[in-house]
Amino acid sequence: MTLEALTEKIKSLAAAKGGIGSSIKFATDEGNIFLTADGVVSNDDTEADCTIKVSQNDLEGLMTGDLNPMTAFMFGKLKIDGDMGVAMKLKDLF
């Protein structure tokens, strides 16, 4: 899945849920996906409450459920900078 397709997927999920109450940035190998606290999604490289560094392929796996978030974290497939509690809210989005 391309960065644009992932961005659109996150936009549709955020529109349905209305955001997660905190800002989060997915820093992938192809670019950034930034989600504001109220659910606005862009590809800006902006400071966030939580930044998740993950490959684009692994982000797709997390979104489809093919990759378990805890397993990904334990094996270093994703790295979390900032508020870990914000990262835990992603289960509500995905």
PDB file of N, CA and C in Angstrom:
ATOM      1  N   MET A   1       0.852  -1.171   0.000  1.00  0.00           N
ATOM      2  CA  MET A   1       0.000   0.000   0.000  1.00  0.00           C
ATOM      3  C   MET A   1       0.900   1.238   0.000  1.00  0.00           C
ATOM      4  N   THR A   2       0.533   2.234  -0.771  1.00  0.00           N
ATOM      5  CA  THR A   2       1.326   3.458  -0.857  1.00  0.00           C
ATOM      6  C   THR A   2       1.065   4.358   0.344  1.00  0.00           C
ATOM      7  N   LEU A   3       1.929   5.359   0.517  1.00  0.00           N
ATOM      8  CA  LEU A   3       1.744   6.326   1.604  1.00  0.00           C
ATOM      9  C   LEU A   3       0.404   7.037   1.446  1.00  0.00           C
ATOM     10  N   GLU A   4       0.049   7.394   0.214  1.00  0.00           N
ATOM     11  CA  GLU A   4      -1.220   8.078  -0.020  1.00  0.00           C
ATOM     12  C   GLU A   4      -2.401   7.183   0.356  1.00  0.00           C
ATOM     13  N   ALA A   5      -2.321   5.901   0.018  1.00  0.00           N
ATOM     14  CA  ALA A   5      -3.404   4.970   0.346  1.00  0.00           C
ATOM     15  C   ALA A   5      -3.521   4.779   1.859  1.00  0.00           C
ATOM     16  N   LEU A   6      -2.372   4.672   2.556  1.00  0.00           N
ATOM     17  CA  LEU A   6      -2.402   4.558   4.018  1.00  0.00           C
ATOM     18  C   LEU A   6      -2.978   5.815   4.648  1.00  0.00           C
ATOM     19  N   THR A   7      -2.595   6.974   4.112  1.00  0.00           N
ATOM     20  CA  THR A   7      -3.109   8.245   4.626  1.00  0.00           C
ATOM     21  C   THR A   7      -4.630   8.294   4.470  1.00  0.00           C
ATOM     22  N   GLU A   8      -5.126   7.906   3.315  1.00  0.00           N
ATOM     23  CA  GLU A   8      -6.575   7.904   3.078  1.00  0.00           C
ATOM     24  C   GLU A   8      -7.290   6.920   4.001  1.00  0.00           C
ATOM     25  N   LYS A   9      -6.682   5.762   4.236  1.00  0.00           N
ATOM     26  CA  LYS A   9      -7.275   4.762   5.133  1.00  0.00           C
ATOM     27  C   LYS A   9      -7.380   5.327   6.552  1.00  0.00           C
ATOM     28  N   ILE A  10      -6.301   5.980   7.024  1.00  0.00           N
ATOM     29  CA  ILE A  10      -6.312   6.574   8.363  1.00  0.00           C
ATOM     30  C   ILE A  10      -7.321   7.719   8.422  1.00  0.00           C
ATOM     31  N   LYS A  11      -7.439   8.509   7.325  1.00  0.00           N
ATOM     32  CA  LYS A  11      -8.444   9.576   7.282  1.00  0.00           C
ATOM     33  C   LYS A  11      -9.845   9.011   7.464  1.00  0.00           C
ATOM     34  N   SER A  12     -10.144   7.914   6.783  1.00  0.00           N
ATOM     35  CA  SER A  12     -11.492   7.349   6.890  1.00  0.00           C
ATOM     36  C   SER A  12     -11.744   6.777   8.280  1.00  0.00           C
ATOM     37  N   LEU A  13     -10.722   6.146   8.877  1.00  0.00           N
ATOM     38  CA  LEU A  13     -10.873   5.625  10.235  1.00  0.00           C
ATOM     39  C   LEU A  13     -11.063   6.763  11.241  1.00  0.00           C
ATOM     40  N   ALA A  14     -10.270   7.825  11.086  1.00  0.00           N
ATOM     41  CA  ALA A  14     -10.357   8.966  12.000  1.00  0.00           C
ATOM     42  C   ALA A  14     -11.695   9.684  11.847  1.00  0.00           C
ATOM     43  N   ALA A  15     -12.211   9.760  10.621  1.00  0.00           N
ATOM     44  CA  ALA A  15     -13.507  10.405  10.399  1.00  0.00           C
ATOM     45  C   ALA A  15     -14.619   9.618  11.089  1.00  0.00           C
ATOM     46  N   ALA A  16     -14.506   8.305  11.070  1.00  0.00           N
ATOM     47  CA  ALA A  16     -15.522   7.464  11.704  1.00  0.00           C
ATOM     48  C   ALA A  16     -15.441   7.535  13.230  1.00  0.00           C
ATOM     49  N   LYS A  17     -14.224   7.671  13.770  1.00  0.00           N
ATOM     50  CA  LYS A  17     -14.031   7.670  15.223  1.00  0.00           C
ATOM     51  C   LYS A  17     -13.955   9.065  15.822  1.00  0.00           C
ATOM     52  N   GLY A  18     -13.610  10.079  15.000  1.00  0.00           N
ATOM     53  CA  GLY A  18     -13.531  11.441  15.511  1.00  0.00           C
ATOM     54  C   GLY A  18     -12.221  11.771  16.205  1.00  0.00           C
ATOM     55  N   GLY A  19     -11.150  11.031  15.935  1.00  0.00           N
ATOM     56  CA  GLY A  19      -9.858  11.300  16.559  1.00  0.00           C
ATOM     57  C   GLY A  19      -9.687  10.522  17.845  1.00  0.00           C
ATOM     58  N   ILE A  20      -8.491  10.645  18.437  1.00  0.00           N
ATOM     59  CA  ILE A  20      -8.206   9.901  19.670  1.00  0.00           C
ATOM     60  C   ILE A  20      -7.886  10.818  20.844  1.00  0.00           C
ATOM     61  N   GLY A  21      -8.026  12.123  20.652  1.00  0.00           N
ATOM     62  CA  GLY A  21      -7.824  13.055  21.749  1.00  0.00           C
ATOM     63  C   GLY A  21      -6.398  13.504  21.960  1.00  0.00           C
ATOM     64  N   SER A  22      -5.473  12.973  21.175  1.00  0.00           N
ATOM     65  CA  SER A  22      -4.060  13.352  21.243  1.00  0.00           C
ATOM     66  C   SER A  22      -3.499  13.287  19.837  1.00  0.00           C
ATOM     67  N   SER A  23      -2.416  14.031  19.606  1.00  0.00           N
ATOM     68  CA  SER A  23      -1.805  13.991  18.277  1.00  0.00           C
ATOM     69  C   SER A  23      -0.800  12.850  18.197  1.00  0.00           C
ATOM     70  N   ILE A  24      -0.728  12.260  17.011  1.00  0.00           N
ATOM     71  CA  ILE A  24       0.176  11.145  16.792  1.00  0.00           C
ATOM     72  C   ILE A  24       0.756  11.243  15.387  1.00  0.00           C
ATOM     73  N   LYS A  25       2.023  10.884  15.271  1.00  0.00           N
ATOM     74  CA  LYS A  25       2.681  10.896  13.967  1.00  0.00           C
ATOM     75  C   LYS A  25       3.243   9.517  13.701  1.00  0.00           C
ATOM     76  N   PHE A  26       2.927   8.995  12.515  1.00  0.00           N
ATOM     77  CA  PHE A  26       3.545   7.760  12.047  1.00  0.00           C
ATOM     78  C   PHE A  26       4.691   8.173  11.138  1.00  0.00           C
ATOM     79  N   ALA A  27       5.910   7.906  11.552  1.00  0.00           N
ATOM     80  CA  ALA A  27       7.091   8.224  10.752  1.00  0.00           C
ATOM     81  C   ALA A  27       7.496   6.942  10.030  1.00  0.00           C
ATOM     82  N   THR A  28       7.151   6.871   8.735  1.00  0.00           N
ATOM     83  CA  THR A  28       7.447   5.675   7.954  1.00  0.00           C
ATOM     84  C   THR A  28       8.667   5.918   7.080  1.00  0.00           C
ATOM     85  N   ASP A  29       9.106   4.862   6.426  1.00  0.00           N
ATOM     86  CA  ASP A  29      10.239   4.968   5.521  1.00  0.00           C
ATOM     87  C   ASP A  29       9.897   5.756   4.256  1.00  0.00           C
ATOM     88  N   GLU A  30       8.622   5.988   3.983  1.00  0.00           N
ATOM     89  CA  GLU A  30       8.189   6.713   2.785  1.00  0.00           C
ATOM     90  C   GLU A  30       7.680   8.123   3.083  1.00  0.00           C
ATOM     91  N   GLY A  31       7.528   8.466   4.358  1.00  0.00           N
ATOM     92  CA  GLY A  31       7.025   9.785   4.736  1.00  0.00           C
ATOM     93  C   GLY A  31       6.232   9.711   6.028  1.00  0.00           C
ATOM     94  N   ASN A  32       5.616  10.824   6.390  1.00  0.00           N
ATOM     95  CA  ASN A  32       4.883  10.922   7.656  1.00  0.00           C
ATOM     96  C   ASN A  32       3.380  10.952   7.442  1.00  0.00           C
ATOM     97  N   ILE A  33       2.683  10.417   8.426  1.00  0.00           N
ATOM     98  CA  ILE A  33       1.229  10.561   8.503  1.00  0.00           C
ATOM     99  C   ILE A  33       0.957  11.152   9.881  1.00  0.00           C
ATOM    100  N   PHE A  34       0.360  12.344   9.905  1.00  0.00           N
ATOM    101  CA  PHE A  34       0.114  13.074  11.143  1.00  0.00           C
ATOM    102  C   PHE A  34      -1.378  13.120  11.415  1.00  0.00           C
ATOM    103  N   LEU A  35      -1.766  12.735  12.625  1.00  0.00           N
ATOM    104  CA  LEU A  35      -3.158  12.725  13.053  1.00  0.00           C
ATOM    105  C   LEU A  35      -3.302  13.686  14.227  1.00  0.00           C
ATOM    106  N   THR A  36      -4.118  14.732  14.056  1.00  0.00           N
ATOM    107  CA  THR A  36      -4.321  15.692  15.139  1.00  0.00           C
ATOM    108  C   THR A  36      -5.257  15.100  16.186  1.00  0.00           C
ATOM    109  N   ALA A  37      -5.337  15.757  17.318  1.00  0.00           N
ATOM    110  CA  ALA A  37      -6.180  15.288  18.422  1.00  0.00           C
ATOM    111  C   ALA A  37      -7.651  15.180  18.028  1.00  0.00           C
ATOM    112  N   ASP A  38      -8.091  16.039  17.105  1.00  0.00           N
ATOM    113  CA  ASP A  38      -9.505  16.011  16.701  1.00  0.00           C
ATOM    114  C   ASP A  38      -9.755  15.218  15.420  1.00  0.00           C
ATOM    115  N   GLY A  39      -8.746  14.493  14.927  1.00  0.00           N
ATOM    116  CA  GLY A  39      -8.953  13.576  13.817  1.00  0.00           C
ATOM    117  C   GLY A  39      -8.602  14.067  12.436  1.00  0.00           C
ATOM    118  N   VAL A  40      -7.942  15.219  12.313  1.00  0.00           N
ATOM    119  CA  VAL A  40      -7.518  15.712  11.005  1.00  0.00           C
ATOM    120  C   VAL A  40      -6.209  15.013  10.637  1.00  0.00           C
ATOM    121  N   VAL A  41      -6.146  14.487   9.412  1.00  0.00           N
ATOM    122  CA  VAL A  41      -4.986  13.710   8.970  1.00  0.00           C
ATOM    123  C   VAL A  41      -4.282  14.436   7.837  1.00  0.00           C
ATOM    124  N   SER A  42      -2.942  14.483   7.910  1.00  0.00           N
ATOM    125  CA  SER A  42      -2.135  15.090   6.852  1.00  0.00           C
ATOM    126  C   SER A  42      -0.807  14.341   6.768  1.00  0.00           C
ATOM    127  N   ASN A  43       0.025  14.779   5.847  1.00  0.00           N
ATOM    128  CA  ASN A  43       1.365  14.206   5.717  1.00  0.00           C
ATOM    129  C   ASN A  43       2.426  15.179   6.219  1.00  0.00           C
ATOM    130  N   ASP A  44       2.026  16.086   7.121  1.00  0.00           N
ATOM    131  CA  ASP A  44       2.944  17.076   7.681  1.00  0.00           C
ATOM    132  C   ASP A  44       3.957  16.420   8.618  1.00  0.00           C
ATOM    133  N   ASP A  45       5.124  17.030   8.698  1.00  0.00           N
ATOM    134  CA  ASP A  45       6.136  16.600   9.663  1.00  0.00           C
ATOM    135  C   ASP A  45       6.066  17.558  10.846  1.00  0.00           C
ATOM    136  N   THR A  46       5.088  17.341  11.713  1.00  0.00           N
ATOM    137  CA  THR A  46       4.784  18.220  12.834  1.00  0.00           C
ATOM    138  C   THR A  46       5.037  17.487  14.142  1.00  0.00           C
ATOM    139  N   GLU A  47       5.414  18.224  15.185  1.00  0.00           N
ATOM    140  CA  GLU A  47       5.581  17.621  16.509  1.00  0.00           C
ATOM    141  C   GLU A  47       4.258  17.022  16.964  1.00  0.00           C
ATOM    142  N   ALA A  48       4.340  15.863  17.599  1.00  0.00           N
ATOM    143  CA  ALA A  48       3.137  15.175  18.066  1.00  0.00           C
ATOM    144  C   ALA A  48       3.336  14.726  19.504  1.00  0.00           C
ATOM    145  N   ASP A  49       2.221  14.409  20.172  1.00  0.00           N
ATOM    146  CA  ASP A  49       2.297  13.874  21.528  1.00  0.00           C
ATOM    147  C   ASP A  49       3.020  12.529  21.529  1.00  0.00           C
ATOM    148  N   CYS A  50       2.881  11.793  20.438  1.00  0.00           N
ATOM    149  CA  CYS A  50       3.505  10.483  20.307  1.00  0.00           C
ATOM    150  C   CYS A  50       3.927  10.277  18.855  1.00  0.00           C
ATOM    151  N   THR A  51       5.139   9.819  18.647  1.00  0.00           N
ATOM    152  CA  THR A  51       5.631   9.488  17.310  1.00  0.00           C
ATOM    153  C   THR A  51       5.925   8.004  17.270  1.00  0.00           C
ATOM    154  N   ILE A  52       5.377   7.348  16.269  1.00  0.00           N
ATOM    155  CA  ILE A  52       5.618   5.920  16.086  1.00  0.00           C
ATOM    156  C   ILE A  52       6.435   5.749  14.815  1.00  0.00           C
ATOM    157  N   LYS A  53       7.648   5.234  14.975  1.00  0.00           N
ATOM    158  CA  LYS A  53       8.518   4.964  13.835  1.00  0.00           C
ATOM    159  C   LYS A  53       8.292   3.521  13.414  1.00  0.00           C
ATOM    160  N   VAL A  54       7.820   3.353  12.177  1.00  0.00           N
ATOM    161  CA  VAL A  54       7.442   2.029  11.695  1.00  0.00           C
ATOM    162  C   VAL A  54       7.586   2.018  10.170  1.00  0.00           C
ATOM    163  N   SER A  55       7.931   0.877   9.608  1.00  0.00           N
ATOM    164  CA  SER A  55       7.993   0.792   8.152  1.00  0.00           C
ATOM    165  C   SER A  55       6.564   0.865   7.604  1.00  0.00           C
ATOM    166  N   GLN A  56       6.472   1.286   6.380  1.00  0.00           N
ATOM    167  CA  GLN A  56       5.162   1.413   5.756  1.00  0.00           C
ATOM    168  C   GLN A  56       4.481   0.048   5.668  1.00  0.00           C
ATOM    169  N   ASN A  57       5.254  -0.979   5.373  1.00  0.00           N
ATOM    170  CA  ASN A  57       4.728  -2.337   5.277  1.00  0.00           C
ATOM    171  C   ASN A  57       4.178  -2.811   6.628  1.00  0.00           C
ATOM    172  N   ASP A  58       4.928  -2.533   7.703  1.00  0.00           N
ATOM    173  CA  ASP A  58       4.473  -2.947   9.028  1.00  0.00           C
ATOM    174  C   ASP A  58       3.265  -2.126   9.493  1.00  0.00           C
ATOM    175  N   LEU A  59       3.187  -0.853   9.109  1.00  0.00           N
ATOM    176  CA  LEU A  59       2.017  -0.041   9.446  1.00  0.00           C
ATOM    177  C   LEU A  59       0.772  -0.627   8.786  1.00  0.00           C
ATOM    178  N   GLU A  60       0.911  -1.056   7.551  1.00  0.00           N
ATOM    179  CA  GLU A  60      -0.211  -1.696   6.866  1.00  0.00           C
ATOM    180  C   GLU A  60      -0.626  -2.964   7.611  1.00  0.00           C
ATOM    181  N   GLY A  61       0.362  -3.752   8.059  1.00  0.00           N
ATOM    182  CA  GLY A  61       0.066  -4.962   8.821  1.00  0.00           C
ATOM    183  C   GLY A  61      -0.647  -4.662  10.131  1.00  0.00           C
ATOM    184  N   LEU A  62      -0.252  -3.588  10.798  1.00  0.00           N
ATOM    185  CA  LEU A  62      -0.923  -3.186  12.035  1.00  0.00           C
ATOM    186  C   LEU A  62      -2.374  -2.798  11.769  1.00  0.00           C
ATOM    187  N   MET A  63      -2.602  -2.087  10.666  1.00  0.00           N
ATOM    188  CA  MET A  63      -3.946  -1.619  10.351  1.00  0.00           C
ATOM    189  C   MET A  63      -4.871  -2.748   9.928  1.00  0.00           C
ATOM    190  N   THR A  64      -4.333  -3.758   9.266  1.00  0.00           N
ATOM    191  CA  THR A  64      -5.164  -4.876   8.804  1.00  0.00           C
ATOM    192  C   THR A  64      -5.316  -5.960   9.861  1.00  0.00           C
ATOM    193  N   GLY A  65      -4.510  -5.878  10.927  1.00  0.00           N
ATOM    194  CA  GLY A  65      -4.571  -6.895  11.969  1.00  0.00           C
ATOM    195  C   GLY A  65      -3.634  -8.065  11.722  1.00  0.00           C
ATOM    196  N   ASP A  66      -2.868  -8.013  10.639  1.00  0.00           N
ATOM    197  CA  ASP A  66      -1.922  -9.087  10.342  1.00  0.00           C
ATOM    198  C   ASP A  66      -0.686  -9.040  11.240  1.00  0.00           C
ATOM    199  N   LEU A  67      -0.426  -7.878  11.855  1.00  0.00           N
ATOM    200  CA  LEU A  67       0.725  -7.715  12.741  1.00  0.00           C
ATOM    201  C   LEU A  67       0.225  -7.253  14.104  1.00  0.00           C
ATOM    202  N   ASN A  68       0.550  -8.010  15.117  1.00  0.00           N
ATOM    203  CA  ASN A  68       0.165  -7.681  16.485  1.00  0.00           C
ATOM    204  C   ASN A  68       1.027  -6.522  16.976  1.00  0.00           C
ATOM    205  N   PRO A  69       0.426  -5.444  17.518  1.00  0.00           N
ATOM    206  CA  PRO A  69       1.201  -4.291  17.968  1.00  0.00           C
ATOM    207  C   PRO A  69       2.226  -4.628  19.056  1.00  0.00           C
ATOM    208  N   MET A  70       1.862  -5.479  20.002  1.00  0.00           N
ATOM    209  CA  MET A  70       2.790  -5.825  21.074  1.00  0.00           C
ATOM    210  C   MET A  70       3.972  -6.627  20.525  1.00  0.00           C
ATOM    211  N   THR A  71       3.704  -7.546  19.631  1.00  0.00           N
ATOM    212  CA  THR A  71       4.776  -8.325  19.003  1.00  0.00           C
ATOM    213  C   THR A  71       5.690  -7.409  18.203  1.00  0.00           C
ATOM    214  N   ALA A  72       5.094  -6.485  17.450  1.00  0.00           N
ATOM    215  CA  ALA A  72       5.880  -5.544  16.654  1.00  0.00           C
ATOM    216  C   ALA A  72       6.797  -4.712  17.549  1.00  0.00           C
ATOM    217  N   PHE A  73       6.275  -4.274  18.686  1.00  0.00           N
ATOM    218  CA  PHE A  73       7.068  -3.482  19.623  1.00  0.00           C
ATOM    219  C   PHE A  73       8.200  -4.315  20.227  1.00  0.00           C
ATOM    220  N   MET A  74       7.874  -5.530  20.643  1.00  0.00           N
ATOM    221  CA  MET A  74       8.870  -6.404  21.288  1.00  0.00           C
ATOM    222  C   MET A  74      10.017  -6.760  20.345  1.00  0.00           C
ATOM    223  N   PHE A  75       9.713  -6.914  19.054  1.00  0.00           N
ATOM    224  CA  PHE A  75      10.737  -7.283  18.080  1.00  0.00           C
ATOM    225  C   PHE A  75      11.359  -6.075  17.390  1.00  0.00           C
ATOM    226  N   GLY A  76      11.044  -4.868  17.854  1.00  0.00           N
ATOM    227  CA  GLY A  76      11.669  -3.667  17.325  1.00  0.00           C
ATOM    228  C   GLY A  76      11.151  -3.234  15.966  1.00  0.00           C
ATOM    229  N   LYS A  77       9.994  -3.740  15.552  1.00  0.00           N
ATOM    230  CA  LYS A  77       9.427  -3.345  14.265  1.00  0.00           C
ATOM    231  C   LYS A  77       8.789  -1.963  14.340  1.00  0.00           C
ATOM    232  N   LEU A  78       8.518  -1.505  15.555  1.00  0.00           N
ATOM    233  CA  LEU A  78       8.062  -0.137  15.751  1.00  0.00           C
ATOM    234  C   LEU A  78       8.708   0.423  17.001  1.00  0.00           C
ATOM    235  N   LYS A  79       8.971   1.714  16.941  1.00  0.00           N
ATOM    236  CA  LYS A  79       9.578   2.418  18.073  1.00  0.00           C
ATOM    237  C   LYS A  79       8.656   3.582  18.431  1.00  0.00           C
ATOM    238  N   ILE A  80       8.494   3.800  19.721  1.00  0.00           N
ATOM    239  CA  ILE A  80       7.581   4.833  20.192  1.00  0.00           C
ATOM    240  C   ILE A  80       8.372   5.915  20.914  1.00  0.00           C
ATOM    241  N   ASP A  81       8.201   7.159  20.456  1.00  0.00           N
ATOM    242  CA  ASP A  81       8.781   8.322  21.123  1.00  0.00           C
ATOM    243  C   ASP A  81       7.635   9.163  21.653  1.00  0.00           C
ATOM    244  N   GLY A  82       7.728   9.581  22.900  1.00  0.00           N
ATOM    245  CA  GLY A  82       6.683  10.413  23.484  1.00  0.00           C
ATOM    246  C   GLY A  82       5.794   9.612  24.413  1.00  0.00           C
ATOM    247  N   ASP A  83       4.551  10.007  24.478  1.00  0.00           N
ATOM    248  CA  ASP A  83       3.586   9.465  25.425  1.00  0.00           C
ATOM    249  C   ASP A  83       3.114   8.069  25.008  1.00  0.00           C
ATOM    250  N   MET A  84       3.530   7.051  25.754  1.00  0.00           N
ATOM    251  CA  MET A  84       3.158   5.668  25.467  1.00  0.00           C
ATOM    252  C   MET A  84       1.645   5.470  25.593  1.00  0.00           C
ATOM    253  N   GLY A  85       0.999   6.226  26.466  1.00  0.00           N
ATOM    254  CA  GLY A  85      -0.448   6.129  26.629  1.00  0.00           C
ATOM    255  C   GLY A  85      -1.202   6.493  25.360  1.00  0.00           C
ATOM    256  N   VAL A  86      -0.652   7.432  24.596  1.00  0.00           N
ATOM    257  CA  VAL A  86      -1.271   7.815  23.326  1.00  0.00           C
ATOM    258  C   VAL A  86      -1.201   6.647  22.347  1.00  0.00           C
ATOM    259  N   ALA A  87      -0.069   5.976  22.317  1.00  0.00           N
ATOM    260  CA  ALA A  87       0.089   4.816  21.429  1.00  0.00           C
ATOM    261  C   ALA A  87      -0.925   3.734  21.776  1.00  0.00           C
ATOM    262  N   MET A  88      -1.219   3.585  23.049  1.00  0.00           N
ATOM    263  CA  MET A  88      -2.185   2.571  23.474  1.00  0.00           C
ATOM    264  C   MET A  88      -3.610   2.895  22.995  1.00  0.00           C
ATOM    265  N   LYS A  89      -3.893   4.175  22.736  1.00  0.00           N
ATOM    266  CA  LYS A  89      -5.210   4.583  22.251  1.00  0.00           C
ATOM    267  C   LYS A  89      -5.452   4.159  20.802  1.00  0.00           C
ATOM    268  N   LEU A  90      -4.400   3.763  20.095  1.00  0.00           N
ATOM    269  CA  LEU A  90      -4.552   3.416  18.693  1.00  0.00           C
ATOM    270  C   LEU A  90      -5.469   2.217  18.486  1.00  0.00           C
ATOM    271  N   LYS A  91      -5.572   1.363  19.484  1.00  0.00           N
ATOM    272  CA  LYS A  91      -6.483   0.224  19.343  1.00  0.00           C
ATOM    273  C   LYS A  91      -7.908   0.693  19.100  1.00  0.00           C
ATOM    274  N   ASP A  92      -8.250   1.869  19.636  1.00  0.00           N
ATOM    275  CA  ASP A  92      -9.575   2.436  19.415  1.00  0.00           C
ATOM    276  C   ASP A  92      -9.752   2.934  17.972  1.00  0.00           C
ATOM    277  N   LEU A  93      -8.654   3.327  17.344  1.00  0.00           N
ATOM    278  CA  LEU A  93      -8.706   3.825  15.971  1.00  0.00           C
ATOM    279  C   LEU A  93      -8.697   2.689  14.971  1.00  0.00           C
ATOM    280  N   PHE A  94      -7.814   1.710  15.197  1.00  0.00           N
ATOM    281  CA  PHE A  94      -7.677   0.591  14.254  1.00  0.00           C
ATOM    282  C   PHE A  94      -8.639  -0.521  14.584  1.00  0.00           C
TER     283      PHE A  94
END
